[in-house]
Amino acid sequence: MDVDYGQGGAKVFIPSDSGSNNVDSMVNINDRLLIFGAVSEYEGELEVVVDSSSDVIVV
């Protein structure tokens, strides 16, 4: 998933065994989200790695 945080964009990676299907079903385009995860770099781009679907909250 790609997100815009106001100063650019970041990719969010949720492994399938961490509930990516749950997140996919609850998030819609233009939703505002709180995302908790580890920030890293993947292929030169900012990425947030989420451990659990409960770490993505629609606000």
PDB file of N, CA and C in Angstrom:
ATOM      1  N   MET A   1       0.855  -1.151   0.000  1.00  0.00           N
ATOM      2  CA  MET A   1       0.000   0.000   0.000  1.00  0.00           C
ATOM      3  C   MET A   1       0.908   1.222   0.000  1.00  0.00           C
ATOM      4  N   ASP A   2       0.524   2.251  -0.717  1.00  0.00           N
ATOM      5  CA  ASP A   2       1.235   3.521  -0.719  1.00  0.00           C
ATOM      6  C   ASP A   2       0.415   4.529   0.076  1.00  0.00           C
ATOM      7  N   VAL A   3       1.088   5.321   0.892  1.00  0.00           N
ATOM      8  CA  VAL A   3       0.408   6.352   1.672  1.00  0.00           C
ATOM      9  C   VAL A   3       1.091   7.692   1.448  1.00  0.00           C
ATOM     10  N   ASP A   4       0.324   8.752   1.543  1.00  0.00           N
ATOM     11  CA  ASP A   4       0.834  10.115   1.463  1.00  0.00           C
ATOM     12  C   ASP A   4       0.746  10.689   2.870  1.00  0.00           C
ATOM     13  N   TYR A   5       1.882  11.128   3.395  1.00  0.00           N
ATOM     14  CA  TYR A   5       1.889  11.652   4.755  1.00  0.00           C
ATOM     15  C   TYR A   5       2.083  13.159   4.793  1.00  0.00           C
ATOM     16  N   GLY A   6       1.756  13.832   3.687  1.00  0.00           N
ATOM     17  CA  GLY A   6       1.799  15.280   3.652  1.00  0.00           C
ATOM     18  C   GLY A   6       3.113  15.871   3.191  1.00  0.00           C
ATOM     19  N   GLN A   7       4.199  15.135   3.339  1.00  0.00           N
ATOM     20  CA  GLN A   7       5.509  15.616   2.902  1.00  0.00           C
ATOM     21  C   GLN A   7       6.112  14.649   1.892  1.00  0.00           C
ATOM     22  N   GLY A   8       5.292  13.848   1.326  1.00  0.00           N
ATOM     23  CA  GLY A   8       5.761  12.850   0.371  1.00  0.00           C
ATOM     24  C   GLY A   8       4.971  11.570   0.551  1.00  0.00           C
ATOM     25  N   GLY A   9       5.524  10.509   0.053  1.00  0.00           N
ATOM     26  CA  GLY A   9       4.832   9.239   0.153  1.00  0.00           C
ATOM     27  C   GLY A   9       5.723   8.174   0.738  1.00  0.00           C
ATOM     28  N   ALA A  10       5.092   7.110   1.163  1.00  0.00           N
ATOM     29  CA  ALA A  10       5.820   5.968   1.707  1.00  0.00           C
ATOM     30  C   ALA A  10       5.054   4.706   1.363  1.00  0.00           C
ATOM     31  N   LYS A  11       5.780   3.638   1.253  1.00  0.00           N
ATOM     32  CA  LYS A  11       5.164   2.337   1.046  1.00  0.00           C
ATOM     33  C   LYS A  11       4.934   1.706   2.411  1.00  0.00           C
ATOM     34  N   VAL A  12       3.843   0.961   2.525  1.00  0.00           N
ATOM     35  CA  VAL A  12       3.550   0.218   3.746  1.00  0.00           C
ATOM     36  C   VAL A  12       3.506  -1.247   3.372  1.00  0.00           C
ATOM     37  N   PHE A  13       4.299  -2.056   4.062  1.00  0.00           N
ATOM     38  CA  PHE A  13       4.344  -3.489   3.791  1.00  0.00           C
ATOM     39  C   PHE A  13       3.731  -4.232   4.965  1.00  0.00           C
ATOM     40  N   ILE A  14       2.707  -5.026   4.658  1.00  0.00           N
ATOM     41  CA  ILE A  14       2.057  -5.871   5.653  1.00  0.00           C
ATOM     42  C   ILE A  14       2.138  -7.301   5.133  1.00  0.00           C
ATOM     43  N   PRO A  15       2.971  -8.146   5.740  1.00  0.00           N
ATOM     44  CA  PRO A  15       3.077  -9.524   5.271  1.00  0.00           C
ATOM     45  C   PRO A  15       1.725 -10.246   5.333  1.00  0.00           C
ATOM     46  N   SER A  16       1.527 -11.185   4.432  1.00  0.00           N
ATOM     47  CA  SER A  16       0.245 -11.902   4.381  1.00  0.00           C
ATOM     48  C   SER A  16      -0.044 -12.629   5.688  1.00  0.00           C
ATOM     49  N   ASP A  17       0.987 -13.124   6.363  1.00  0.00           N
ATOM     50  CA  ASP A  17       0.743 -13.809   7.636  1.00  0.00           C
ATOM     51  C   ASP A  17       0.550 -12.840   8.800  1.00  0.00           C
ATOM     52  N   SER A  18       0.579 -11.544   8.511  1.00  0.00           N
ATOM     53  CA  SER A  18       0.347 -10.515   9.535  1.00  0.00           C
ATOM     54  C   SER A  18      -0.995  -9.826   9.360  1.00  0.00           C
ATOM     55  N   GLY A  19      -1.829 -10.318   8.452  1.00  0.00           N
ATOM     56  CA  GLY A  19      -3.176  -9.775   8.307  1.00  0.00           C
ATOM     57  C   GLY A  19      -3.378  -8.803   7.168  1.00  0.00           C
ATOM     58  N   SER A  20      -2.598  -8.918   6.109  1.00  0.00           N
ATOM     59  CA  SER A  20      -2.747  -7.975   4.993  1.00  0.00           C
ATOM     60  C   SER A  20      -4.154  -8.032   4.385  1.00  0.00           C
ATOM     61  N   ASN A  21      -4.777  -9.199   4.354  1.00  0.00           N
ATOM     62  CA  ASN A  21      -6.143  -9.294   3.823  1.00  0.00           C
ATOM     63  C   ASN A  21      -7.132  -8.519   4.685  1.00  0.00           C
ATOM     64  N   ASN A  22      -6.945  -8.537   6.007  1.00  0.00           N
ATOM     65  CA  ASN A  22      -7.815  -7.772   6.904  1.00  0.00           C
ATOM     66  C   ASN A  22      -7.692  -6.278   6.635  1.00  0.00           C
ATOM     67  N   VAL A  23      -6.467  -5.810   6.473  1.00  0.00           N
ATOM     68  CA  VAL A  23      -6.237  -4.389   6.210  1.00  0.00           C
ATOM     69  C   VAL A  23      -6.835  -4.007   4.867  1.00  0.00           C
ATOM     70  N   ASP A  24      -6.632  -4.839   3.867  1.00  0.00           N
ATOM     71  CA  ASP A  24      -7.159  -4.563   2.527  1.00  0.00           C
ATOM     72  C   ASP A  24      -8.674  -4.391   2.551  1.00  0.00           C
ATOM     73  N   SER A  25      -9.358  -5.171   3.368  1.00  0.00           N
ATOM     74  CA  SER A  25     -10.824  -5.095   3.409  1.00  0.00           C
ATOM     75  C   SER A  25     -11.342  -3.905   4.225  1.00  0.00           C
ATOM     76  N   MET A  26     -10.511  -3.312   5.092  1.00  0.00           N
ATOM     77  CA  MET A  26     -11.007  -2.221   5.935  1.00  0.00           C
ATOM     78  C   MET A  26     -10.561  -0.840   5.475  1.00  0.00           C
ATOM     79  N   VAL A  27      -9.596  -0.757   4.559  1.00  0.00           N
ATOM     80  CA  VAL A  27      -9.048   0.536   4.133  1.00  0.00           C
ATOM     81  C   VAL A  27      -9.553   0.883   2.739  1.00  0.00           C
ATOM     82  N   ASN A  28      -9.973   2.137   2.579  1.00  0.00           N
ATOM     83  CA  ASN A  28     -10.429   2.652   1.292  1.00  0.00           C
ATOM     84  C   ASN A  28      -9.548   3.819   0.864  1.00  0.00           C
ATOM     85  N   ILE A  29      -9.539   4.122  -0.405  1.00  0.00           N
ATOM     86  CA  ILE A  29      -8.797   5.271  -0.908  1.00  0.00           C
ATOM     87  C   ILE A  29      -9.261   6.525  -0.183  1.00  0.00           C
ATOM     88  N   ASN A  30      -8.315   7.374   0.191  1.00  0.00           N
ATOM     89  CA  ASN A  30      -8.531   8.648   0.895  1.00  0.00           C
ATOM     90  C   ASN A  30      -8.877   8.498   2.366  1.00  0.00           C
ATOM     91  N   ASP A  31      -8.840   7.283   2.929  1.00  0.00           N
ATOM     92  CA  ASP A  31      -9.006   7.123   4.375  1.00  0.00           C
ATOM     93  C   ASP A  31      -7.802   7.738   5.081  1.00  0.00           C
ATOM     94  N   ARG A  32      -8.050   8.240   6.288  1.00  0.00           N
ATOM     95  CA  ARG A  32      -6.959   8.707   7.148  1.00  0.00           C
ATOM     96  C   ARG A  32      -6.623   7.547   8.069  1.00  0.00           C
ATOM     97  N   LEU A  33      -5.314   7.277   8.191  1.00  0.00           N
ATOM     98  CA  LEU A  33      -4.872   6.102   8.941  1.00  0.00           C
ATOM     99  C   LEU A  33      -3.831   6.456   9.986  1.00  0.00           C
ATOM    100  N   LEU A  34      -3.791   5.676  11.048  1.00  0.00           N
ATOM    101  CA  LEU A  34      -2.661   5.633  11.965  1.00  0.00           C
ATOM    102  C   LEU A  34      -1.977   4.309  11.677  1.00  0.00           C
ATOM    103  N   ILE A  35      -0.690   4.355  11.402  1.00  0.00           N
ATOM    104  CA  ILE A  35       0.051   3.147  11.067  1.00  0.00           C
ATOM    105  C   ILE A  35       1.249   3.045  11.992  1.00  0.00           C
ATOM    106  N   PHE A  36       1.359   1.912  12.667  1.00  0.00           N
ATOM    107  CA  PHE A  36       2.481   1.658  13.567  1.00  0.00           C
ATOM    108  C   PHE A  36       3.347   0.563  12.954  1.00  0.00           C
ATOM    109  N   GLY A  37       4.637   0.805  12.878  1.00  0.00           N
ATOM    110  CA  GLY A  37       5.543  -0.186  12.320  1.00  0.00           C
ATOM    111  C   GLY A  37       6.970   0.314  12.333  1.00  0.00           C
ATOM    112  N   ALA A  38       7.837  -0.500  11.812  1.00  0.00           N
ATOM    113  CA  ALA A  38       9.259  -0.157  11.743  1.00  0.00           C
ATOM    114  C   ALA A  38       9.530   0.552  10.417  1.00  0.00           C
ATOM    115  N   VAL A  39      10.182   1.701  10.496  1.00  0.00           N
ATOM    116  CA  VAL A  39      10.523   2.458   9.296  1.00  0.00           C
ATOM    117  C   VAL A  39      11.865   1.947   8.779  1.00  0.00           C
ATOM    118  N   SER A  40      11.897   1.654   7.487  1.00  0.00           N
ATOM    119  CA  SER A  40      13.131   1.188   6.872  1.00  0.00           C
ATOM    120  C   SER A  40      13.197   1.701   5.438  1.00  0.00           C
ATOM    121  N   GLU A  41      14.209   1.292   4.740  1.00  0.00           N
ATOM    122  CA  GLU A  41      14.346   1.653   3.338  1.00  0.00           C
ATOM    123  C   GLU A  41      14.348   0.367   2.529  1.00  0.00           C
ATOM    124  N   TYR A  42      13.583   0.359   1.452  1.00  0.00           N
ATOM    125  CA  TYR A  42      13.521  -0.804   0.576  1.00  0.00           C
ATOM    126  C   TYR A  42      13.677  -0.323  -0.856  1.00  0.00           C
ATOM    127  N   GLU A  43      14.682  -0.816  -1.533  1.00  0.00           N
ATOM    128  CA  GLU A  43      14.986  -0.421  -2.910  1.00  0.00           C
ATOM    129  C   GLU A  43      15.047   1.099  -3.069  1.00  0.00           C
ATOM    130  N   GLY A  44      15.650   1.759  -2.067  1.00  0.00           N
ATOM    131  CA  GLY A  44      15.848   3.201  -2.119  1.00  0.00           C
ATOM    132  C   GLY A  44      14.649   4.041  -1.741  1.00  0.00           C
ATOM    133  N   GLU A  45      13.564   3.408  -1.301  1.00  0.00           N
ATOM    134  CA  GLU A  45      12.355   4.150  -0.929  1.00  0.00           C
ATOM    135  C   GLU A  45      11.995   3.902   0.530  1.00  0.00           C
ATOM    136  N   LEU A  46      11.374   4.908   1.138  1.00  0.00           N
ATOM    137  CA  LEU A  46      10.900   4.797   2.514  1.00  0.00           C
ATOM    138  C   LEU A  46       9.807   3.748   2.599  1.00  0.00           C
ATOM    139  N   GLU A  47       9.878   2.898   3.626  1.00  0.00           N
ATOM    140  CA  GLU A  47       8.877   1.847   3.800  1.00  0.00           C
ATOM    141  C   GLU A  47       8.604   1.659   5.284  1.00  0.00           C
ATOM    142  N   VAL A  48       7.333   1.409   5.609  1.00  0.00           N
ATOM    143  CA  VAL A  48       6.935   1.073   6.968  1.00  0.00           C
ATOM    144  C   VAL A  48       6.517  -0.390   6.959  1.00  0.00           C
ATOM    145  N   VAL A  49       7.152  -1.196   7.802  1.00  0.00           N
ATOM    146  CA  VAL A  49       6.833  -2.619   7.890  1.00  0.00           C
ATOM    147  C   VAL A  49       5.947  -2.818   9.111  1.00  0.00           C
ATOM    148  N   VAL A  50       4.738  -3.314   8.873  1.00  0.00           N
ATOM    149  CA  VAL A  50       3.729  -3.481   9.911  1.00  0.00           C
ATOM    150  C   VAL A  50       3.730  -4.936  10.390  1.00  0.00           C
ATOM    151  N   ASP A  51       3.679  -5.137  11.704  1.00  0.00           N
ATOM    152  CA  ASP A  51       3.711  -6.486  12.270  1.00  0.00           C
ATOM    153  C   ASP A  51       2.348  -7.154  12.336  1.00  0.00           C
ATOM    154  N   SER A  52       1.273  -6.369  12.425  1.00  0.00           N
ATOM    155  CA  SER A  52      -0.056  -6.931  12.619  1.00  0.00           C
ATOM    156  C   SER A  52      -1.114  -5.999  12.029  1.00  0.00           C
ATOM    157  N   SER A  53      -2.204  -6.567  11.564  1.00  0.00           N
ATOM    158  CA  SER A  53      -3.285  -5.742  11.018  1.00  0.00           C
ATOM    159  C   SER A  53      -3.837  -4.778  12.070  1.00  0.00           C
ATOM    160  N   SER A  54      -3.695  -5.098  13.345  1.00  0.00           N
ATOM    161  CA  SER A  54      -4.173  -4.198  14.395  1.00  0.00           C
ATOM    162  C   SER A  54      -3.298  -2.957  14.523  1.00  0.00           C
ATOM    163  N   ASP A  55      -2.166  -2.930  13.824  1.00  0.00           N
ATOM    164  CA  ASP A  55      -1.297  -1.759  13.809  1.00  0.00           C
ATOM    165  C   ASP A  55      -1.683  -0.738  12.747  1.00  0.00           C
ATOM    166  N   VAL A  56      -2.771  -1.011  12.022  1.00  0.00           N
ATOM    167  CA  VAL A  56      -3.320  -0.065  11.043  1.00  0.00           C
ATOM    168  C   VAL A  56      -4.715   0.289  11.512  1.00  0.00           C
ATOM    169  N   ILE A  57      -4.935   1.577  11.797  1.00  0.00           N
ATOM    170  CA  ILE A  57      -6.198   2.039  12.367  1.00  0.00           C
ATOM    171  C   ILE A  57      -6.775   3.122  11.474  1.00  0.00           C
ATOM    172  N   VAL A  58      -8.028   2.945  11.066  1.00  0.00           N
ATOM    173  CA  VAL A  58      -8.737   3.978  10.295  1.00  0.00           C
ATOM    174  C   VAL A  58      -9.279   4.987  11.297  1.00  0.00           C
ATOM    175  N   VAL A  59      -8.942   6.289  11.073  1.00  0.00           N
ATOM    176  CA  VAL A  59      -9.405   7.327  12.000  1.00  0.00           C
ATOM    177  C   VAL A  59     -10.448   8.213  11.370  1.00  0.00           C
TER     178      VAL A  59
END
